[in-house]
C-alpha atoms as a PDB file:
ATOM      1  CA  LEU A   1     125.835 101.083  93.909  1.00  0.00           C
ATOM      2  CA  MET A   2     122.632 102.027  93.939  1.00  0.00           C
ATOM      3  CA  CYS A   3     121.640 101.179  97.281  1.00  0.00           C
ATOM      4  CA  MET A   4     124.921 103.800  98.930  1.00  0.00           C
ATOM      5  CA  LEU A   5     123.888 106.043  96.621  1.00  0.00           C
ATOM      6  CA  LEU A   6     120.067 106.525  97.586  1.00  0.00           C
ATOM      7  CA  GLU A   7     121.234 105.840 101.092  1.00  0.00           C
ATOM      8  CA  LYS A   8     123.345 108.914 100.860  1.00  0.00           C
ATOM      9  CA  ASN A   9     121.523 111.242  98.853  1.00  0.00           C
ATOM     10  CA  CYS A  10     117.791 110.623 100.150  1.00  0.00           C
ATOM     11  CA  PRO A  11     117.955 109.498 103.556  1.00  0.00           C
ATOM     12  CA  ASP A  12     114.265 109.607 104.543  1.00  0.00           C
ATOM     13  CA  MET A  13     114.122 106.807 102.450  1.00  0.00           C
ATOM     14  CA  SER A  14     113.586 103.301 104.272  1.00  0.00           C
ATOM     15  CA  ALA A  15     115.142 100.135 103.000  1.00  0.00           C
ATOM     16  CA  ALA A  16     111.604  99.022 102.179  1.00  0.00           C
ATOM     17  CA  ASP A  17     111.483 102.363  99.587  1.00  0.00           C
ATOM     18  CA  ILE A  18     114.864 101.606  98.535  1.00  0.00           C
ATOM     19  CA  GLN A  19     113.957  98.117  97.623  1.00  0.00           C
ATOM     20  CA  ASN A  20     110.949  99.595  95.782  1.00  0.00           C
ATOM     21  CA  PHE A  21     112.511 102.329  93.849  1.00  0.00           C
ATOM     22  CA  ILE A  22     115.131  99.249  92.365  1.00  0.00           C
ATOM     23  CA  TYR A  23     112.489  96.931  91.302  1.00  0.00           C
ATOM     24  CA  THR A  24     110.905  99.460  89.324  1.00  0.00           C
ATOM     25  CA  PHE A  25     113.357 101.649  88.044  1.00  0.00           C
ATOM     26  CA  TYR A  26     115.916  98.486  86.709  1.00  0.00           C
ATOM     27  CA  PRO A  27     113.107  97.247  84.894  1.00  0.00           C
ATOM     28  CA  PHE A  28     111.980 100.416  83.471  1.00  0.00           C
ATOM     29  CA  MET A  29     115.442 100.988  82.436  1.00  0.00           C
ATOM     30  CA  PHE A  30     115.858  97.262  80.525  1.00  0.00           C
ATOM     31  CA  GLY A  31     112.252  98.724  78.705  1.00  0.00           C
ATOM     32  CA  ILE A  32     113.482 102.009  77.550  1.00  0.00           C
ATOM     33  CA  TYR A  33     115.525 101.375  74.708  1.00  0.00           C
ATOM     34  CA  PRO A  34     112.720 100.692  71.680  1.00  0.00           C
ATOM     35  CA  TYR A  35     110.993 103.584  72.439  1.00  0.00           C
ATOM     36  CA  THR A  36     114.782 105.479  72.092  1.00  0.00           C
ATOM     37  CA  ALA A  37     116.187 103.962  68.913  1.00  0.00           C
ATOM     38  CA  VAL A  38     113.393 103.882  66.516  1.00  0.00           C
ATOM     39  CA  THR A  39     114.213 102.572  62.997  1.00  0.00           C
ATOM     40  CA  GLU A  40     113.635 104.879  59.743  1.00  0.00           C
ATOM     41  CA  LYS A  41     111.089 101.787  58.821  1.00  0.00           C
ATOM     42  CA  GLN A  42     109.380 102.083  61.857  1.00  0.00           C
ATOM     43  CA  LYS A  43     109.378 106.152  62.050  1.00  0.00           C
ATOM     44  CA  THR A  44     107.681 105.524  58.201  1.00  0.00           C
ATOM     45  CA  ALA A  45     105.486 103.337  59.192  1.00  0.00           C
ATOM     46  CA  MET A  46     103.896 105.505  62.396  1.00  0.00           C
ATOM     47  CA  ARG A  47     103.901 108.495  59.785  1.00  0.00           C
ATOM     48  CA  GLU A  48     102.119 106.827  57.778  1.00  0.00           C
ATOM     49  CA  ALA A  49      99.403 105.475  60.232  1.00  0.00           C
ATOM     50  CA  GLY A  50      99.222 109.098  61.358  1.00  0.00           C
ATOM     51  CA  VAL A  51     100.784 108.061  64.866  1.00  0.00           C
ATOM     52  CA  ASP A  52     101.948 111.295  66.213  1.00  0.00           C
ATOM     53  CA  TYR A  53     105.236 109.712  68.447  1.00  0.00           C
ATOM     54  CA  VAL A  54     107.256 111.959  70.137  1.00  0.00           C
ATOM     55  CA  TYR A  55     110.874 111.426  70.066  1.00  0.00           C
ATOM     56  CA  LYS A  56     112.506 111.361  73.309  1.00  0.00           C
ATOM     57  CA  THR A  57     116.123 110.532  74.590  1.00  0.00           C
ATOM     58  CA  VAL A  58     116.887 108.466  76.732  1.00  0.00           C
ATOM     59  CA  TYR A  59     118.090 111.194  79.201  1.00  0.00           C
ATOM     60  CA  GLU A  60     114.737 112.654  79.186  1.00  0.00           C
ATOM     61  CA  LEU A  61     112.789 109.349  79.682  1.00  0.00           C
ATOM     62  CA  THR A  62     115.224 108.223  82.494  1.00  0.00           C
ATOM     63  CA  SER A  63     114.913 112.012  84.505  1.00  0.00           C
ATOM     64  CA  SER A  64     111.090 111.991  83.810  1.00  0.00           C
ATOM     65  CA  CYS A  65     111.180 108.559  85.749  1.00  0.00           C
ATOM     66  CA  LEU A  66     113.334 109.363  88.407  1.00  0.00           C
ATOM     67  CA  ILE A  67     111.584 112.570  89.253  1.00  0.00           C
ATOM     68  CA  ARG A  68     108.314 110.915  89.629  1.00  0.00           C
ATOM     69  CA  LEU A  69     110.212 107.948  91.616  1.00  0.00           C
ATOM     70  CA  LEU A  70     111.966 110.450  94.203  1.00  0.00           C
ATOM     71  CA  GLY A  71     109.085 112.840  94.309  1.00  0.00           C
ATOM     72  CA  LYS A  72     111.456 115.429  93.884  1.00  0.00           C
END
């Protein structure tokens, strides 16, 4: 499905470009959950440690990644 979407919407991408996109984007998708599902205990710990953590949604993280990967 992802290949078909990229072929249709990004006709300038070669087969190698599509494979590279998939091998970059899919691991990213599997790894973003911890950044979007911060527990209250984690929030408290970061606040107490003075960590300036920016909370982002799955959409915000994903759209930013896609824009960079697709160069749009």
